[in-house]
Amino acid sequence: MRRRVLSFDAWLCLALSALIAMGTGKVAQMVAKPIYDKQVEAHQAVDGEIGGKAGEEVFRVQNVEDLLSHDTFTVVSPGIQYRNRGAGYYDGRYFQALTLPSGELVAAWINGDSVQSTGEDIFSGDNILPVGKVVWEDLTENQTFLDQIQHSEPLDRTDFYVDMVGNTAVLDEDLAMDTSQTMVQVLTVCIFFPIFHALGSKIGLWMPYFSFKKKKEPEWD
């Protein structure tokens, strides 16, 4: 098996580009932070609206029939039962297998920041989930998701899911910062690597990757 090793000039240009990328990555994080903060502010959960905390005026559903007969609602879950019955990723969103008081199981996208505990913590007493609504969608089109969320037991309905996040969804801060930093660093390396290599070949430190021969001028009698 042949081993491919980068040449000295490639390693040196890559190292120099990486040093610059460390700096541009820091700058990218500094620029991205206030942008992220504004996005978080614009997506703050509003009490009584989808993804926000549910007050006493919000209807408490008991079964699937209640879900389908109300525009908005909430579910009261014993302890952290809503987090212990299965979960899966659907289009990049983390869904829980939510148990309704009737025992029926449905897929739910839940804003954990708006869950209200009636006990000392989320493990004791009841948890009042955020305001939600029904979103009609054929979940069977994503078999991988169904295999994940139905690992222990099947959902009672797969033609809709419960949205308890709404407009409050924001990318995790660490992930957002890391993504911005990584993209800028990769772009920096892609730009500066050929520049450093061209400069090195220009002053004769190594051979250029590409060389272009000038066409000979035609000779005229």
N, C-alpha and C. Protein backbone atom coordinates (compact mmCIF):
# COMPACT_ATOMS: atom_id res chain seq x y z
N MET A 1 0.85 -1.20 0.00
CA MET A 1 0.00 0.00 0.00
C MET A 1 0.88 1.25 0.00
N ARG A 2 0.68 2.12 -0.95
CA ARG A 2 1.49 3.32 -1.07
C ARG A 2 1.01 4.40 -0.12
N ARG A 3 1.98 5.05 0.53
CA ARG A 3 1.66 6.17 1.42
C ARG A 3 1.94 7.47 0.70
N ARG A 4 0.98 8.36 0.74
CA ARG A 4 1.15 9.66 0.10
C ARG A 4 1.47 10.70 1.18
N VAL A 5 2.62 11.37 1.02
CA VAL A 5 3.06 12.37 1.99
C VAL A 5 3.14 13.71 1.30
N LEU A 6 2.61 14.73 1.96
CA LEU A 6 2.69 16.07 1.39
C LEU A 6 4.13 16.53 1.32
N SER A 7 4.46 17.22 0.28
CA SER A 7 5.82 17.76 0.13
C SER A 7 6.05 18.89 1.13
N PHE A 8 7.34 19.25 1.32
CA PHE A 8 7.70 20.29 2.29
C PHE A 8 7.02 21.61 1.97
N ASP A 9 6.99 21.99 0.69
CA ASP A 9 6.38 23.26 0.33
C ASP A 9 4.89 23.29 0.66
N ALA A 10 4.21 22.14 0.45
CA ALA A 10 2.79 22.08 0.76
C ALA A 10 2.56 22.19 2.26
N TRP A 11 3.38 21.48 3.06
CA TRP A 11 3.25 21.55 4.52
C TRP A 11 3.48 22.97 5.02
N LEU A 12 4.50 23.63 4.50
CA LEU A 12 4.83 24.98 4.95
C LEU A 12 3.71 25.96 4.61
N CYS A 13 3.22 25.91 3.39
CA CYS A 13 2.13 26.80 2.97
C CYS A 13 0.86 26.52 3.76
N LEU A 14 0.63 25.24 4.05
CA LEU A 14 -0.55 24.87 4.82
C LEU A 14 -0.44 25.39 6.25
N ALA A 15 0.78 25.28 6.82
CA ALA A 15 0.99 25.75 8.20
C ALA A 15 0.82 27.26 8.29
N LEU A 16 1.36 27.99 7.34
CA LEU A 16 1.22 29.46 7.34
C LEU A 16 -0.24 29.87 7.17
N SER A 17 -0.92 29.17 6.30
CA SER A 17 -2.35 29.47 6.09
C SER A 17 -3.16 29.18 7.34
N ALA A 18 -2.80 28.09 8.05
CA ALA A 18 -3.52 27.73 9.27
C ALA A 18 -3.30 28.78 10.36
N LEU A 19 -2.09 29.35 10.43
CA LEU A 19 -1.83 30.41 11.42
C LEU A 19 -2.74 31.62 11.17
N ILE A 20 -2.85 32.00 9.92
CA ILE A 20 -3.72 33.12 9.58
C ILE A 20 -5.18 32.76 9.85
N ALA A 21 -5.54 31.49 9.58
CA ALA A 21 -6.92 31.04 9.79
C ALA A 21 -7.31 31.11 11.26
N MET A 22 -6.35 30.91 12.16
CA MET A 22 -6.64 31.01 13.59
C MET A 22 -7.11 32.43 13.93
N GLY A 23 -6.45 33.41 13.31
CA GLY A 23 -6.82 34.80 13.55
C GLY A 23 -8.16 35.16 12.93
N THR A 24 -8.37 34.74 11.69
CA THR A 24 -9.65 35.05 11.03
C THR A 24 -10.81 34.33 11.71
N GLY A 25 -10.52 33.15 12.29
CA GLY A 25 -11.57 32.43 13.01
C GLY A 25 -12.03 33.20 14.24
N LYS A 26 -11.06 33.79 14.96
CA LYS A 26 -11.41 34.60 16.13
C LYS A 26 -12.24 35.82 15.72
N VAL A 27 -11.83 36.44 14.63
CA VAL A 27 -12.58 37.60 14.13
C VAL A 27 -13.99 37.20 13.74
N ALA A 28 -14.12 36.03 13.11
CA ALA A 28 -15.44 35.54 12.70
C ALA A 28 -16.36 35.36 13.90
N GLN A 29 -15.82 34.83 15.00
CA GLN A 29 -16.62 34.65 16.21
C GLN A 29 -17.06 35.99 16.79
N MET A 30 -16.14 36.97 16.76
CA MET A 30 -16.47 38.30 17.28
C MET A 30 -17.59 38.95 16.46
N VAL A 31 -17.56 38.74 15.15
CA VAL A 31 -18.59 39.31 14.28
C VAL A 31 -19.91 38.55 14.43
N ALA A 32 -19.82 37.22 14.57
CA ALA A 32 -21.03 36.38 14.62
C ALA A 32 -21.78 36.52 15.94
N LYS A 33 -21.08 36.82 17.04
CA LYS A 33 -21.73 36.87 18.36
C LYS A 33 -22.86 37.89 18.42
N PRO A 34 -22.66 39.16 18.05
CA PRO A 34 -23.78 40.11 18.12
C PRO A 34 -24.91 39.76 17.15
N ILE A 35 -24.56 39.14 16.01
CA ILE A 35 -25.59 38.72 15.06
C ILE A 35 -26.44 37.61 15.68
N TYR A 36 -25.77 36.68 16.35
CA TYR A 36 -26.48 35.59 17.02
C TYR A 36 -27.37 36.12 18.13
N ASP A 37 -26.85 37.07 18.92
CA ASP A 37 -27.63 37.63 20.02
C ASP A 37 -28.90 38.32 19.51
N LYS A 38 -28.79 38.99 18.37
CA LYS A 38 -29.98 39.64 17.79
C LYS A 38 -30.99 38.60 17.33
N GLN A 39 -30.49 37.49 16.79
CA GLN A 39 -31.38 36.43 16.34
C GLN A 39 -32.12 35.81 17.52
N VAL A 40 -31.40 35.61 18.63
CA VAL A 40 -32.02 35.05 19.83
C VAL A 40 -33.10 36.00 20.35
N GLU A 41 -32.79 37.29 20.36
CA GLU A 41 -33.75 38.28 20.83
C GLU A 41 -35.01 38.29 19.96
N ALA A 42 -34.81 38.14 18.64
CA ALA A 42 -35.95 38.17 17.72
C ALA A 42 -36.82 36.92 17.84
N HIS A 43 -36.25 35.85 18.42
CA HIS A 43 -36.99 34.59 18.54
C HIS A 43 -37.33 34.25 19.99
N GLN A 44 -37.41 35.26 20.82
CA GLN A 44 -37.77 35.02 22.21
C GLN A 44 -39.18 34.44 22.31
N ALA A 45 -39.32 33.45 23.18
CA ALA A 45 -40.64 32.83 23.37
C ALA A 45 -41.58 33.83 24.04
N VAL A 46 -42.82 33.85 23.58
CA VAL A 46 -43.85 34.73 24.14
C VAL A 46 -44.88 33.87 24.86
N ASP A 47 -45.10 34.16 26.12
CA ASP A 47 -46.07 33.39 26.90
C ASP A 47 -47.43 33.39 26.22
N GLY A 48 -48.02 32.21 26.13
CA GLY A 48 -49.34 32.09 25.53
C GLY A 48 -49.32 31.83 24.03
N GLU A 49 -48.13 31.96 23.40
CA GLU A 49 -48.01 31.69 21.97
C GLU A 49 -47.22 30.40 21.76
N ILE A 50 -47.23 29.88 20.53
CA ILE A 50 -46.57 28.61 20.24
C ILE A 50 -45.11 28.66 20.68
N GLY A 51 -44.72 27.70 21.49
CA GLY A 51 -43.35 27.64 21.99
C GLY A 51 -43.14 28.37 23.29
N GLY A 52 -44.12 29.17 23.70
CA GLY A 52 -44.03 29.93 24.95
C GLY A 52 -44.67 29.19 26.12
N LYS A 53 -44.52 29.74 27.31
CA LYS A 53 -45.10 29.11 28.49
C LYS A 53 -46.63 29.14 28.42
N ALA A 54 -47.21 28.06 28.91
CA ALA A 54 -48.67 27.94 28.88
C ALA A 54 -49.26 28.37 30.22
N GLY A 55 -50.16 29.35 30.18
CA GLY A 55 -50.84 29.80 31.38
C GLY A 55 -52.09 28.98 31.65
N GLU A 56 -52.82 29.38 32.68
CA GLU A 56 -54.03 28.65 33.06
C GLU A 56 -55.10 28.71 31.98
N GLU A 57 -55.03 29.75 31.13
CA GLU A 57 -56.06 29.91 30.09
C GLU A 57 -55.87 28.95 28.92
N VAL A 58 -54.71 28.33 28.82
CA VAL A 58 -54.43 27.42 27.71
C VAL A 58 -55.05 26.05 27.99
N PHE A 59 -55.75 25.53 27.00
CA PHE A 59 -56.46 24.25 27.16
C PHE A 59 -55.49 23.10 27.41
N ARG A 60 -55.81 22.26 28.40
CA ARG A 60 -55.03 21.06 28.71
C ARG A 60 -55.65 19.88 27.97
N VAL A 61 -54.92 19.32 27.03
CA VAL A 61 -55.49 18.21 26.26
C VAL A 61 -55.36 16.90 27.05
N GLN A 62 -56.27 15.99 26.74
CA GLN A 62 -56.26 14.67 27.38
C GLN A 62 -55.95 13.56 26.38
N ASN A 63 -56.32 13.79 25.11
CA ASN A 63 -56.18 12.73 24.12
C ASN A 63 -55.99 13.34 22.73
N VAL A 64 -55.85 12.49 21.73
CA VAL A 64 -55.65 12.94 20.36
C VAL A 64 -56.85 13.76 19.88
N GLU A 65 -58.03 13.34 20.26
CA GLU A 65 -59.23 14.07 19.85
C GLU A 65 -59.17 15.53 20.31
N ASP A 66 -58.68 15.76 21.53
CA ASP A 66 -58.52 17.13 22.03
C ASP A 66 -57.50 17.91 21.20
N LEU A 67 -56.42 17.23 20.83
CA LEU A 67 -55.39 17.88 20.00
C LEU A 67 -56.00 18.42 18.71
N LEU A 68 -56.80 17.58 18.08
CA LEU A 68 -57.34 17.92 16.77
C LEU A 68 -58.51 18.89 16.82
N SER A 69 -59.07 19.08 17.98
CA SER A 69 -60.24 19.96 18.09
C SER A 69 -59.90 21.34 18.65
N HIS A 70 -58.59 21.60 18.91
CA HIS A 70 -58.17 22.90 19.44
C HIS A 70 -57.00 23.45 18.62
N ASP A 71 -57.05 24.75 18.36
CA ASP A 71 -55.98 25.39 17.59
C ASP A 71 -54.67 25.40 18.37
N THR A 72 -54.75 25.73 19.66
CA THR A 72 -53.58 25.71 20.53
C THR A 72 -53.94 25.00 21.83
N PHE A 73 -52.93 24.51 22.52
CA PHE A 73 -53.17 23.71 23.71
C PHE A 73 -51.84 23.48 24.44
N THR A 74 -51.92 22.78 25.56
CA THR A 74 -50.72 22.32 26.24
C THR A 74 -50.98 20.92 26.76
N VAL A 75 -49.92 20.28 27.24
CA VAL A 75 -50.03 18.94 27.81
C VAL A 75 -49.34 18.97 29.18
N VAL A 76 -49.98 18.39 30.17
CA VAL A 76 -49.37 18.27 31.49
C VAL A 76 -48.79 16.86 31.60
N SER A 77 -47.48 16.80 31.79
CA SER A 77 -46.78 15.52 31.80
C SER A 77 -46.24 15.20 33.20
N PRO A 78 -46.46 14.00 33.69
CA PRO A 78 -45.90 13.62 35.00
C PRO A 78 -44.37 13.56 34.94
N GLY A 79 -43.70 14.35 35.78
CA GLY A 79 -42.24 14.33 35.80
C GLY A 79 -41.66 14.56 34.42
N ILE A 80 -40.67 13.73 34.06
CA ILE A 80 -40.04 13.86 32.74
C ILE A 80 -40.47 12.74 31.81
N GLN A 81 -41.71 12.28 32.00
CA GLN A 81 -42.23 11.21 31.14
C GLN A 81 -42.16 11.60 29.67
N TYR A 82 -42.35 12.90 29.38
CA TYR A 82 -42.34 13.36 27.99
C TYR A 82 -40.98 13.20 27.34
N ARG A 83 -39.96 12.94 28.14
CA ARG A 83 -38.61 12.78 27.59
C ARG A 83 -38.12 11.34 27.63
N ASN A 84 -38.94 10.44 28.14
CA ASN A 84 -38.47 9.07 28.38
C ASN A 84 -39.13 8.00 27.52
N ARG A 85 -39.90 8.39 26.52
CA ARG A 85 -40.63 7.38 25.75
C ARG A 85 -40.10 7.21 24.33
N GLY A 86 -38.96 7.80 24.03
CA GLY A 86 -38.37 7.68 22.70
C GLY A 86 -38.20 9.04 22.05
N ALA A 87 -37.26 9.12 21.12
CA ALA A 87 -36.98 10.39 20.45
C ALA A 87 -36.29 10.11 19.13
N GLY A 88 -36.26 11.12 18.26
CA GLY A 88 -35.61 10.97 16.97
C GLY A 88 -35.48 12.30 16.26
N TYR A 89 -34.62 12.35 15.25
CA TYR A 89 -34.40 13.58 14.48
C TYR A 89 -35.21 13.55 13.20
N TYR A 90 -35.99 14.62 13.03
CA TYR A 90 -36.82 14.76 11.84
C TYR A 90 -36.49 16.09 11.19
N ASP A 91 -35.89 16.05 10.00
CA ASP A 91 -35.47 17.27 9.30
C ASP A 91 -34.61 18.16 10.19
N GLY A 92 -33.72 17.54 10.95
CA GLY A 92 -32.81 18.30 11.81
C GLY A 92 -33.42 18.75 13.13
N ARG A 93 -34.66 18.41 13.39
CA ARG A 93 -35.32 18.79 14.64
C ARG A 93 -35.47 17.58 15.54
N TYR A 94 -35.25 17.79 16.84
CA TYR A 94 -35.29 16.69 17.79
C TYR A 94 -36.70 16.53 18.34
N PHE A 95 -37.36 15.43 17.98
CA PHE A 95 -38.73 15.17 18.39
C PHE A 95 -38.76 14.16 19.54
N GLN A 96 -39.72 14.36 20.47
CA GLN A 96 -39.94 13.43 21.56
C GLN A 96 -41.22 12.63 21.28
N ALA A 97 -41.25 11.42 21.81
CA ALA A 97 -42.49 10.64 21.78
C ALA A 97 -43.29 11.06 23.01
N LEU A 98 -44.27 11.90 22.81
CA LEU A 98 -45.03 12.50 23.90
C LEU A 98 -46.24 11.62 24.27
N THR A 99 -46.32 11.28 25.55
CA THR A 99 -47.46 10.51 26.05
C THR A 99 -48.55 11.45 26.52
N LEU A 100 -49.72 11.36 25.94
CA LEU A 100 -50.87 12.15 26.39
C LEU A 100 -51.47 11.50 27.63
N PRO A 101 -52.24 12.24 28.43
CA PRO A 101 -52.87 11.65 29.61
C PRO A 101 -53.67 10.39 29.30
N SER A 102 -54.19 10.28 28.08
CA SER A 102 -54.96 9.10 27.68
C SER A 102 -54.07 7.88 27.45
N GLY A 103 -52.75 8.11 27.39
CA GLY A 103 -51.83 7.02 27.09
C GLY A 103 -51.42 6.97 25.64
N GLU A 104 -52.08 7.74 24.78
CA GLU A 104 -51.74 7.78 23.37
C GLU A 104 -50.38 8.47 23.17
N LEU A 105 -49.67 8.00 22.16
CA LEU A 105 -48.31 8.48 21.92
C LEU A 105 -48.25 9.23 20.59
N VAL A 106 -47.72 10.48 20.63
CA VAL A 106 -47.58 11.28 19.41
C VAL A 106 -46.19 11.92 19.38
N ALA A 107 -45.74 12.28 18.20
CA ALA A 107 -44.45 12.95 18.06
C ALA A 107 -44.61 14.44 18.38
N ALA A 108 -43.67 14.97 19.15
CA ALA A 108 -43.76 16.37 19.55
C ALA A 108 -42.38 17.03 19.53
N TRP A 109 -42.37 18.26 19.02
CA TRP A 109 -41.17 19.10 19.00
C TRP A 109 -41.34 20.10 20.14
N ILE A 110 -40.52 20.01 21.18
CA ILE A 110 -40.77 20.72 22.43
C ILE A 110 -39.66 21.71 22.75
N ASN A 111 -40.06 22.94 23.08
CA ASN A 111 -39.11 23.95 23.54
C ASN A 111 -38.89 23.75 25.04
N GLY A 112 -37.76 23.15 25.37
CA GLY A 112 -37.48 22.83 26.77
C GLY A 112 -37.40 24.04 27.68
N ASP A 113 -37.06 25.21 27.12
CA ASP A 113 -36.93 26.42 27.93
C ASP A 113 -38.27 26.91 28.46
N SER A 114 -39.37 26.47 27.84
CA SER A 114 -40.69 26.95 28.25
C SER A 114 -41.47 25.92 29.07
N VAL A 115 -40.80 24.83 29.44
CA VAL A 115 -41.46 23.82 30.28
C VAL A 115 -41.52 24.34 31.71
N GLN A 116 -42.68 24.26 32.34
CA GLN A 116 -42.88 24.74 33.71
C GLN A 116 -43.10 23.56 34.64
N SER A 117 -42.28 23.49 35.68
CA SER A 117 -42.39 22.41 36.65
C SER A 117 -43.21 22.84 37.85
N THR A 118 -44.14 21.99 38.27
CA THR A 118 -44.95 22.29 39.45
C THR A 118 -44.31 21.74 40.72
N GLY A 119 -43.23 20.97 40.55
CA GLY A 119 -42.53 20.42 41.71
C GLY A 119 -41.27 21.20 42.00
N GLU A 120 -40.40 20.63 42.80
CA GLU A 120 -39.13 21.29 43.14
C GLU A 120 -38.20 21.35 41.93
N ASP A 121 -38.33 20.38 41.04
CA ASP A 121 -37.54 20.36 39.81
C ASP A 121 -38.33 19.59 38.77
N ILE A 122 -37.71 19.40 37.58
CA ILE A 122 -38.43 18.74 36.48
C ILE A 122 -38.68 17.26 36.74
N PHE A 123 -37.99 16.69 37.74
CA PHE A 123 -38.14 15.27 38.00
C PHE A 123 -39.29 14.96 38.96
N SER A 124 -39.77 15.99 39.65
CA SER A 124 -40.85 15.78 40.61
C SER A 124 -42.07 16.62 40.23
N GLY A 125 -43.22 16.16 40.64
CA GLY A 125 -44.43 16.89 40.30
C GLY A 125 -44.76 16.75 38.82
N ASP A 126 -45.59 17.67 38.33
CA ASP A 126 -45.98 17.68 36.92
C ASP A 126 -45.20 18.75 36.17
N ASN A 127 -45.05 18.53 34.87
CA ASN A 127 -44.44 19.53 34.00
C ASN A 127 -45.47 20.00 32.99
N ILE A 128 -45.68 21.32 32.98
CA ILE A 128 -46.61 21.91 32.01
C ILE A 128 -45.81 22.25 30.76
N LEU A 129 -46.10 21.58 29.67
CA LEU A 129 -45.34 21.78 28.44
C LEU A 129 -45.73 23.10 27.77
N PRO A 130 -44.91 23.57 26.81
CA PRO A 130 -45.21 24.85 26.13
C PRO A 130 -46.51 24.78 25.32
N VAL A 131 -46.97 25.93 24.92
CA VAL A 131 -48.15 26.00 24.04
C VAL A 131 -47.80 25.32 22.72
N GLY A 132 -48.71 24.50 22.24
CA GLY A 132 -48.44 23.78 21.00
C GLY A 132 -49.59 23.84 20.01
N LYS A 133 -49.34 23.30 18.83
CA LYS A 133 -50.36 23.18 17.80
C LYS A 133 -50.06 21.93 16.98
N VAL A 134 -51.06 21.49 16.25
CA VAL A 134 -50.90 20.31 15.39
C VAL A 134 -50.38 20.76 14.02
N VAL A 135 -49.38 20.06 13.52
CA VAL A 135 -48.86 20.29 12.16
C VAL A 135 -49.06 19.00 11.38
N TRP A 136 -49.86 19.08 10.33
CA TRP A 136 -50.13 17.88 9.52
C TRP A 136 -48.94 17.57 8.63
N GLU A 137 -48.43 16.37 8.78
CA GLU A 137 -47.29 15.93 7.96
C GLU A 137 -47.20 14.41 8.04
N ASP A 138 -46.87 13.80 6.91
CA ASP A 138 -46.76 12.34 6.85
C ASP A 138 -45.38 11.92 7.35
N LEU A 139 -45.31 11.52 8.60
CA LEU A 139 -44.04 11.15 9.21
C LEU A 139 -43.49 9.83 8.66
N THR A 140 -44.33 9.06 8.01
CA THR A 140 -43.88 7.76 7.47
C THR A 140 -42.93 7.94 6.29
N GLU A 141 -42.84 9.17 5.76
CA GLU A 141 -41.91 9.41 4.66
C GLU A 141 -40.46 9.41 5.12
N ASN A 142 -40.25 9.47 6.44
CA ASN A 142 -38.89 9.43 6.99
C ASN A 142 -38.79 8.19 7.88
N GLN A 143 -38.44 7.06 7.27
CA GLN A 143 -38.41 5.80 7.99
C GLN A 143 -37.33 5.78 9.06
N THR A 144 -36.21 6.45 8.80
CA THR A 144 -35.13 6.49 9.79
C THR A 144 -35.61 7.14 11.08
N PHE A 145 -36.35 8.24 10.92
CA PHE A 145 -36.92 8.92 12.08
C PHE A 145 -37.87 8.01 12.85
N LEU A 146 -38.74 7.33 12.13
CA LEU A 146 -39.70 6.44 12.78
C LEU A 146 -39.00 5.30 13.52
N ASP A 147 -37.93 4.78 12.92
CA ASP A 147 -37.17 3.72 13.58
C ASP A 147 -36.58 4.22 14.90
N GLN A 148 -36.18 5.50 14.92
CA GLN A 148 -35.60 6.07 16.14
C GLN A 148 -36.67 6.28 17.20
N ILE A 149 -37.71 7.02 16.85
CA ILE A 149 -38.70 7.43 17.86
C ILE A 149 -39.60 6.27 18.29
N GLN A 150 -39.73 5.25 17.44
CA GLN A 150 -40.56 4.10 17.77
C GLN A 150 -39.73 2.91 18.19
N HIS A 151 -38.53 3.18 18.67
CA HIS A 151 -37.64 2.09 19.06
C HIS A 151 -38.26 1.20 20.13
N SER A 152 -38.96 1.83 21.09
CA SER A 152 -39.57 1.06 22.18
C SER A 152 -41.02 0.70 21.91
N GLU A 153 -41.78 1.66 21.39
CA GLU A 153 -43.20 1.42 21.12
C GLU A 153 -43.68 2.34 20.01
N PRO A 154 -44.69 1.94 19.27
CA PRO A 154 -45.14 2.73 18.11
C PRO A 154 -45.95 3.95 18.49
N LEU A 155 -45.90 4.96 17.63
CA LEU A 155 -46.75 6.13 17.79
C LEU A 155 -48.19 5.76 17.42
N ASP A 156 -49.14 6.42 18.08
CA ASP A 156 -50.54 6.16 17.74
C ASP A 156 -50.96 6.88 16.47
N ARG A 157 -50.27 8.01 16.16
CA ARG A 157 -50.56 8.76 14.93
C ARG A 157 -49.25 9.16 14.27
N THR A 158 -49.18 8.97 12.96
CA THR A 158 -47.98 9.36 12.21
C THR A 158 -48.32 10.31 11.07
N ASP A 159 -49.54 10.87 11.11
CA ASP A 159 -49.94 11.80 10.06
C ASP A 159 -49.84 13.26 10.51
N PHE A 160 -49.32 13.48 11.71
CA PHE A 160 -49.09 14.84 12.19
C PHE A 160 -48.07 14.80 13.32
N TYR A 161 -47.58 15.98 13.70
CA TYR A 161 -46.76 16.09 14.90
C TYR A 161 -47.20 17.33 15.67
N VAL A 162 -46.83 17.42 16.92
CA VAL A 162 -47.18 18.56 17.77
C VAL A 162 -45.99 19.52 17.80
N ASP A 163 -46.24 20.76 17.38
CA ASP A 163 -45.20 21.79 17.38
C ASP A 163 -45.33 22.62 18.64
N MET A 164 -44.37 22.47 19.55
CA MET A 164 -44.31 23.26 20.78
C MET A 164 -43.06 24.13 20.79
N VAL A 165 -42.60 24.50 19.60
CA VAL A 165 -41.42 25.36 19.45
C VAL A 165 -41.77 26.62 18.67
N GLY A 166 -42.45 26.43 17.53
CA GLY A 166 -42.85 27.57 16.71
C GLY A 166 -41.69 28.41 16.24
N ASN A 167 -41.79 29.72 16.43
CA ASN A 167 -40.77 30.66 15.95
C ASN A 167 -39.63 30.85 16.93
N THR A 168 -39.61 30.05 18.00
CA THR A 168 -38.56 30.22 19.02
C THR A 168 -37.30 29.44 18.69
N ALA A 169 -37.34 28.66 17.61
CA ALA A 169 -36.19 27.81 17.29
C ALA A 169 -34.99 28.64 16.86
N VAL A 170 -33.87 28.45 17.56
CA VAL A 170 -32.61 29.12 17.23
C VAL A 170 -31.50 28.08 17.34
N LEU A 171 -30.56 28.12 16.42
CA LEU A 171 -29.42 27.21 16.45
C LEU A 171 -28.66 27.38 17.76
N ASP A 172 -28.21 26.27 18.36
CA ASP A 172 -27.42 26.31 19.58
C ASP A 172 -26.23 27.27 19.43
N GLU A 173 -25.96 28.06 20.48
CA GLU A 173 -24.93 29.10 20.38
C GLU A 173 -23.56 28.52 20.04
N ASP A 174 -23.16 27.46 20.74
CA ASP A 174 -21.85 26.86 20.47
C ASP A 174 -21.76 26.36 19.03
N LEU A 175 -22.84 25.74 18.56
CA LEU A 175 -22.85 25.23 17.19
C LEU A 175 -22.81 26.38 16.19
N ALA A 176 -23.55 27.46 16.48
CA ALA A 176 -23.57 28.61 15.58
C ALA A 176 -22.19 29.27 15.49
N MET A 177 -21.54 29.44 16.64
CA MET A 177 -20.21 30.06 16.66
C MET A 177 -19.18 29.16 15.97
N ASP A 178 -19.24 27.87 16.27
CA ASP A 178 -18.28 26.93 15.67
C ASP A 178 -18.45 26.85 14.17
N THR A 179 -19.70 26.89 13.71
CA THR A 179 -19.96 26.82 12.26
C THR A 179 -19.38 28.04 11.55
N SER A 180 -19.61 29.24 12.11
CA SER A 180 -19.08 30.47 11.51
C SER A 180 -17.57 30.44 11.49
N GLN A 181 -16.98 30.03 12.61
CA GLN A 181 -15.52 29.99 12.70
C GLN A 181 -14.92 29.00 11.70
N THR A 182 -15.50 27.81 11.63
CA THR A 182 -14.98 26.78 10.73
C THR A 182 -15.06 27.21 9.27
N MET A 183 -16.19 27.78 8.87
CA MET A 183 -16.37 28.21 7.48
C MET A 183 -15.33 29.27 7.09
N VAL A 184 -15.11 30.23 7.98
CA VAL A 184 -14.14 31.29 7.69
C VAL A 184 -12.73 30.72 7.65
N GLN A 185 -12.41 29.80 8.55
CA GLN A 185 -11.06 29.22 8.58
C GLN A 185 -10.78 28.40 7.33
N VAL A 186 -11.75 27.62 6.90
CA VAL A 186 -11.57 26.82 5.68
C VAL A 186 -11.38 27.74 4.47
N LEU A 187 -12.19 28.80 4.40
CA LEU A 187 -12.08 29.75 3.30
C LEU A 187 -10.71 30.44 3.33
N THR A 188 -10.23 30.77 4.53
CA THR A 188 -8.91 31.41 4.67
C THR A 188 -7.81 30.53 4.12
N VAL A 189 -7.84 29.26 4.50
CA VAL A 189 -6.81 28.31 4.03
C VAL A 189 -6.87 28.18 2.50
N CYS A 190 -8.09 28.08 1.97
CA CYS A 190 -8.26 27.94 0.52
C CYS A 190 -7.71 29.15 -0.24
N ILE A 191 -7.80 30.33 0.38
CA ILE A 191 -7.32 31.55 -0.28
C ILE A 191 -5.81 31.70 -0.14
N PHE A 192 -5.30 31.52 1.09
CA PHE A 192 -3.90 31.83 1.36
C PHE A 192 -2.93 30.73 0.95
N PHE A 193 -3.38 29.48 0.90
CA PHE A 193 -2.48 28.40 0.49
C PHE A 193 -1.90 28.65 -0.91
N PRO A 194 -2.74 28.90 -1.92
CA PRO A 194 -2.17 29.14 -3.26
C PRO A 194 -1.37 30.44 -3.32
N ILE A 195 -1.75 31.43 -2.49
CA ILE A 195 -0.99 32.69 -2.49
C ILE A 195 0.42 32.45 -1.97
N PHE A 196 0.56 31.75 -0.83
CA PHE A 196 1.88 31.47 -0.26
C PHE A 196 2.71 30.61 -1.20
N HIS A 197 2.07 29.65 -1.84
CA HIS A 197 2.82 28.76 -2.74
C HIS A 197 3.29 29.53 -3.97
N ALA A 198 2.44 30.42 -4.47
CA ALA A 198 2.83 31.22 -5.64
C ALA A 198 3.98 32.16 -5.29
N LEU A 199 3.94 32.75 -4.09
CA LEU A 199 5.02 33.65 -3.66
C LEU A 199 6.32 32.88 -3.51
N GLY A 200 6.24 31.67 -2.91
CA GLY A 200 7.44 30.85 -2.74
C GLY A 200 8.06 30.45 -4.06
N SER A 201 7.23 30.10 -5.02
CA SER A 201 7.76 29.72 -6.33
C SER A 201 8.30 30.93 -7.08
N LYS A 202 7.72 32.10 -6.77
CA LYS A 202 8.15 33.33 -7.44
C LYS A 202 9.59 33.69 -7.06
N ILE A 203 9.93 33.46 -5.76
CA ILE A 203 11.28 33.81 -5.32
C ILE A 203 12.22 32.61 -5.39
N GLY A 204 11.77 31.52 -5.96
CA GLY A 204 12.64 30.39 -6.24
C GLY A 204 12.81 29.39 -5.12
N LEU A 205 11.90 29.37 -4.12
CA LEU A 205 12.03 28.40 -3.03
C LEU A 205 11.60 27.00 -3.45
N TRP A 206 10.70 26.91 -4.39
CA TRP A 206 10.23 25.63 -4.89
C TRP A 206 9.60 25.84 -6.27
N MET A 207 9.33 24.71 -6.90
CA MET A 207 8.74 24.78 -8.23
C MET A 207 7.25 25.09 -8.13
N PRO A 208 6.73 25.86 -9.09
CA PRO A 208 5.28 26.14 -9.08
C PRO A 208 4.49 24.90 -9.43
N TYR A 209 3.24 24.87 -9.00
CA TYR A 209 2.37 23.76 -9.33
C TYR A 209 2.05 23.75 -10.82
N PHE A 210 1.88 24.94 -11.35
CA PHE A 210 1.53 25.06 -12.76
C PHE A 210 2.51 26.02 -13.43
N SER A 211 2.87 25.69 -14.61
CA SER A 211 3.71 26.60 -15.40
C SER A 211 3.13 26.71 -16.79
N PHE A 212 3.20 27.90 -17.32
CA PHE A 212 2.61 28.16 -18.63
C PHE A 212 3.71 28.59 -19.60
N LYS A 213 3.83 27.87 -20.67
CA LYS A 213 4.83 28.23 -21.69
C LYS A 213 4.25 29.25 -22.64
N LYS A 214 5.09 30.22 -22.93
CA LYS A 214 4.65 31.21 -23.89
C LYS A 214 4.68 30.64 -25.30
N LYS A 215 3.67 30.97 -26.03
CA LYS A 215 3.63 30.52 -27.43
C LYS A 215 4.71 31.24 -28.23
N LYS A 216 5.37 30.48 -29.08
CA LYS A 216 6.38 31.09 -29.95
C LYS A 216 5.71 31.96 -30.99
N GLU A 217 6.31 33.10 -31.18
CA GLU A 217 5.80 34.00 -32.22
C GLU A 217 6.08 33.39 -33.58
N PRO A 218 5.14 33.44 -34.49
CA PRO A 218 5.39 32.86 -35.83
C PRO A 218 6.51 33.60 -36.56
N GLU A 219 7.33 32.82 -37.23
CA GLU A 219 8.43 33.42 -37.99
C GLU A 219 7.94 33.75 -39.39
N TRP A 220 8.30 34.95 -39.84
CA TRP A 220 7.89 35.39 -41.18
C TRP A 220 9.13 35.54 -42.05
N ASP A 221 9.00 35.03 -43.21
CA ASP A 221 10.12 35.19 -44.16
C ASP A 221 10.21 36.62 -44.62
